[in-house]
Amino acid sequence: MDYRDQVEFRRINADDDNGIAAFRTYKLLGHPSYILLDPDGTVLWKGQGEQSFEKLEADLVSALEQFSP
């Protein structure tokens, strides 16, 4: 399924200034790391390590259901 109409996806390099800042801000411990934020910047979910597509999609759907009014 395509979630681009509901979610903005970003890929950040952990080795550049933006990536280092993101790792510090969200207390990410390793990479790959994943974080889902609501529009206000509240963390809905975060995880790290390699994840299967099915696991990431299930976590995304769960976060979207939490956020939906």
N, C-alpha and C. Protein backbone atom coordinates (compact mmCIF):
# COMPACT_ATOMS: atom_id res chain seq x y z
N MET A 1 0.85 -1.19 0.00
CA MET A 1 0.00 0.00 0.00
C MET A 1 0.89 1.24 0.00
N ASP A 2 0.40 2.32 -0.56
CA ASP A 2 1.13 3.58 -0.65
C ASP A 2 0.59 4.54 0.41
N TYR A 3 1.47 5.05 1.25
CA TYR A 3 1.07 5.92 2.35
C TYR A 3 1.50 7.37 2.14
N ARG A 4 2.01 7.70 0.95
CA ARG A 4 2.54 9.05 0.72
C ARG A 4 1.50 10.15 0.87
N ASP A 5 0.22 9.82 0.77
CA ASP A 5 -0.81 10.85 0.97
C ASP A 5 -1.07 11.11 2.45
N GLN A 6 -0.51 10.25 3.34
CA GLN A 6 -0.72 10.39 4.77
C GLN A 6 0.57 10.66 5.54
N VAL A 7 1.70 10.32 4.93
CA VAL A 7 2.98 10.36 5.64
C VAL A 7 4.04 10.99 4.74
N GLU A 8 4.88 11.81 5.35
CA GLU A 8 6.06 12.33 4.64
C GLU A 8 7.24 11.47 5.05
N PHE A 9 7.85 10.80 4.10
CA PHE A 9 8.99 9.95 4.37
C PHE A 9 10.27 10.73 4.13
N ARG A 10 11.22 10.58 5.06
CA ARG A 10 12.53 11.21 4.90
C ARG A 10 13.61 10.20 5.23
N ARG A 11 14.68 10.30 4.50
CA ARG A 11 15.85 9.47 4.77
C ARG A 11 16.96 10.42 5.18
N ILE A 12 17.54 10.19 6.34
CA ILE A 12 18.57 11.07 6.87
C ILE A 12 19.84 10.28 7.08
N ASN A 13 20.95 10.82 6.60
CA ASN A 13 22.25 10.19 6.76
C ASN A 13 22.74 10.41 8.19
N ALA A 14 23.00 9.34 8.91
CA ALA A 14 23.42 9.43 10.31
C ALA A 14 24.79 10.07 10.47
N ASP A 15 25.54 10.18 9.39
CA ASP A 15 26.89 10.71 9.48
C ASP A 15 27.01 12.20 9.14
N ASP A 16 25.93 12.85 8.72
CA ASP A 16 26.04 14.28 8.45
C ASP A 16 25.41 15.07 9.60
N ASP A 17 25.49 16.39 9.54
CA ASP A 17 25.02 17.23 10.65
C ASP A 17 23.55 17.01 10.99
N ASN A 18 22.70 16.89 9.96
CA ASN A 18 21.26 16.66 10.21
C ASN A 18 21.03 15.32 10.88
N GLY A 19 21.75 14.31 10.43
CA GLY A 19 21.60 12.99 11.02
C GLY A 19 22.07 12.93 12.45
N ILE A 20 23.20 13.55 12.72
CA ILE A 20 23.73 13.58 14.09
C ILE A 20 22.75 14.30 15.01
N ALA A 21 22.21 15.42 14.54
CA ALA A 21 21.23 16.16 15.34
C ALA A 21 19.97 15.33 15.60
N ALA A 22 19.49 14.62 14.58
CA ALA A 22 18.30 13.78 14.75
C ALA A 22 18.56 12.66 15.75
N PHE A 23 19.73 12.03 15.65
CA PHE A 23 20.06 10.96 16.59
C PHE A 23 20.10 11.47 18.03
N ARG A 24 20.63 12.65 18.21
CA ARG A 24 20.68 13.23 19.57
C ARG A 24 19.29 13.63 20.05
N THR A 25 18.55 14.31 19.20
CA THR A 25 17.22 14.79 19.57
C THR A 25 16.30 13.65 19.98
N TYR A 26 16.31 12.58 19.20
CA TYR A 26 15.38 11.48 19.43
C TYR A 26 16.00 10.30 20.17
N LYS A 27 17.24 10.50 20.65
CA LYS A 27 17.95 9.48 21.43
C LYS A 27 17.97 8.13 20.71
N LEU A 28 18.33 8.17 19.45
CA LEU A 28 18.45 6.96 18.65
C LEU A 28 19.81 6.34 18.94
N LEU A 29 19.86 5.03 19.04
CA LEU A 29 21.07 4.35 19.50
C LEU A 29 21.88 3.70 18.39
N GLY A 30 21.32 3.47 17.27
CA GLY A 30 22.04 2.79 16.20
C GLY A 30 21.34 2.98 14.89
N HIS A 31 21.89 2.35 13.87
CA HIS A 31 21.20 2.46 12.60
C HIS A 31 21.27 1.16 11.83
N PRO A 32 20.24 0.91 11.07
CA PRO A 32 19.19 1.88 10.76
C PRO A 32 18.26 2.10 11.95
N SER A 33 17.73 3.30 12.03
CA SER A 33 16.72 3.66 13.03
C SER A 33 15.52 4.22 12.29
N TYR A 34 14.37 4.06 12.90
CA TYR A 34 13.13 4.52 12.30
C TYR A 34 12.37 5.30 13.36
N ILE A 35 11.72 6.36 12.92
CA ILE A 35 10.93 7.15 13.86
C ILE A 35 9.69 7.67 13.13
N LEU A 36 8.56 7.59 13.79
CA LEU A 36 7.31 8.12 13.26
C LEU A 36 6.87 9.26 14.16
N LEU A 37 6.65 10.42 13.56
CA LEU A 37 6.24 11.62 14.29
C LEU A 37 4.87 12.07 13.82
N ASP A 38 4.08 12.63 14.73
CA ASP A 38 2.85 13.26 14.29
C ASP A 38 3.20 14.66 13.77
N PRO A 39 2.24 15.39 13.20
CA PRO A 39 2.56 16.71 12.63
C PRO A 39 3.14 17.70 13.65
N ASP A 40 2.88 17.49 14.93
CA ASP A 40 3.42 18.38 15.96
C ASP A 40 4.82 17.98 16.41
N GLY A 41 5.33 16.85 15.89
CA GLY A 41 6.66 16.39 16.26
C GLY A 41 6.68 15.41 17.42
N THR A 42 5.51 14.99 17.89
CA THR A 42 5.44 14.00 18.96
C THR A 42 5.79 12.63 18.40
N VAL A 43 6.64 11.91 19.11
CA VAL A 43 7.04 10.57 18.67
C VAL A 43 5.88 9.60 18.86
N LEU A 44 5.47 8.97 17.77
CA LEU A 44 4.43 7.94 17.83
C LEU A 44 5.03 6.55 17.96
N TRP A 45 6.21 6.37 17.37
CA TRP A 45 6.88 5.06 17.38
C TRP A 45 8.31 5.25 16.97
N LYS A 46 9.21 4.47 17.53
CA LYS A 46 10.56 4.41 17.02
C LYS A 46 11.11 3.01 17.19
N GLY A 47 11.99 2.65 16.32
CA GLY A 47 12.59 1.33 16.35
C GLY A 47 13.97 1.39 15.73
N GLN A 48 14.71 0.34 15.92
CA GLN A 48 16.03 0.32 15.31
C GLN A 48 16.39 -1.08 14.88
N GLY A 49 17.39 -1.15 14.04
CA GLY A 49 17.79 -2.43 13.48
C GLY A 49 17.00 -2.73 12.23
N GLU A 50 17.49 -3.70 11.51
CA GLU A 50 16.79 -4.06 10.29
C GLU A 50 15.41 -4.60 10.62
N GLN A 51 14.42 -4.15 9.85
CA GLN A 51 13.03 -4.54 10.05
C GLN A 51 12.50 -5.08 8.73
N SER A 52 11.63 -6.04 8.82
CA SER A 52 10.98 -6.51 7.60
C SER A 52 9.98 -5.46 7.14
N PHE A 53 9.68 -5.48 5.86
CA PHE A 53 8.67 -4.58 5.32
C PHE A 53 7.35 -4.76 6.07
N GLU A 54 6.98 -6.01 6.33
CA GLU A 54 5.70 -6.30 7.00
C GLU A 54 5.66 -5.68 8.40
N LYS A 55 6.77 -5.77 9.13
CA LYS A 55 6.83 -5.19 10.49
C LYS A 55 6.73 -3.68 10.42
N LEU A 56 7.49 -3.05 9.52
CA LEU A 56 7.42 -1.59 9.40
C LEU A 56 6.03 -1.13 9.00
N GLU A 57 5.41 -1.84 8.07
CA GLU A 57 4.07 -1.46 7.64
C GLU A 57 3.07 -1.62 8.78
N ALA A 58 3.16 -2.69 9.54
CA ALA A 58 2.24 -2.89 10.67
C ALA A 58 2.42 -1.77 11.70
N ASP A 59 3.65 -1.38 11.98
CA ASP A 59 3.89 -0.30 12.94
C ASP A 59 3.39 1.04 12.40
N LEU A 60 3.55 1.27 11.11
CA LEU A 60 3.05 2.48 10.50
C LEU A 60 1.53 2.54 10.57
N VAL A 61 0.87 1.46 10.22
CA VAL A 61 -0.60 1.41 10.28
C VAL A 61 -1.08 1.64 11.70
N SER A 62 -0.43 1.02 12.67
CA SER A 62 -0.81 1.20 14.08
C SER A 62 -0.65 2.66 14.50
N ALA A 63 0.45 3.29 14.12
CA ALA A 63 0.67 4.70 14.46
C ALA A 63 -0.37 5.59 13.79
N LEU A 64 -0.69 5.31 12.54
CA LEU A 64 -1.70 6.11 11.84
C LEU A 64 -3.08 5.95 12.50
N GLU A 65 -3.40 4.76 12.95
CA GLU A 65 -4.68 4.54 13.65
C GLU A 65 -4.72 5.32 14.96
N GLN A 66 -3.59 5.40 15.67
CA GLN A 66 -3.51 6.17 16.91
C GLN A 66 -3.75 7.64 16.64
N PHE A 67 -3.21 8.13 15.54
CA PHE A 67 -3.26 9.54 15.23
C PHE A 67 -4.61 9.95 14.67
N SER A 68 -5.30 9.07 13.98
CA SER A 68 -6.57 9.40 13.33
C SER A 68 -7.60 9.81 14.37
N PRO A 69 -8.31 10.91 14.10
CA PRO A 69 -9.34 11.39 15.04
C PRO A 69 -10.54 10.46 15.10
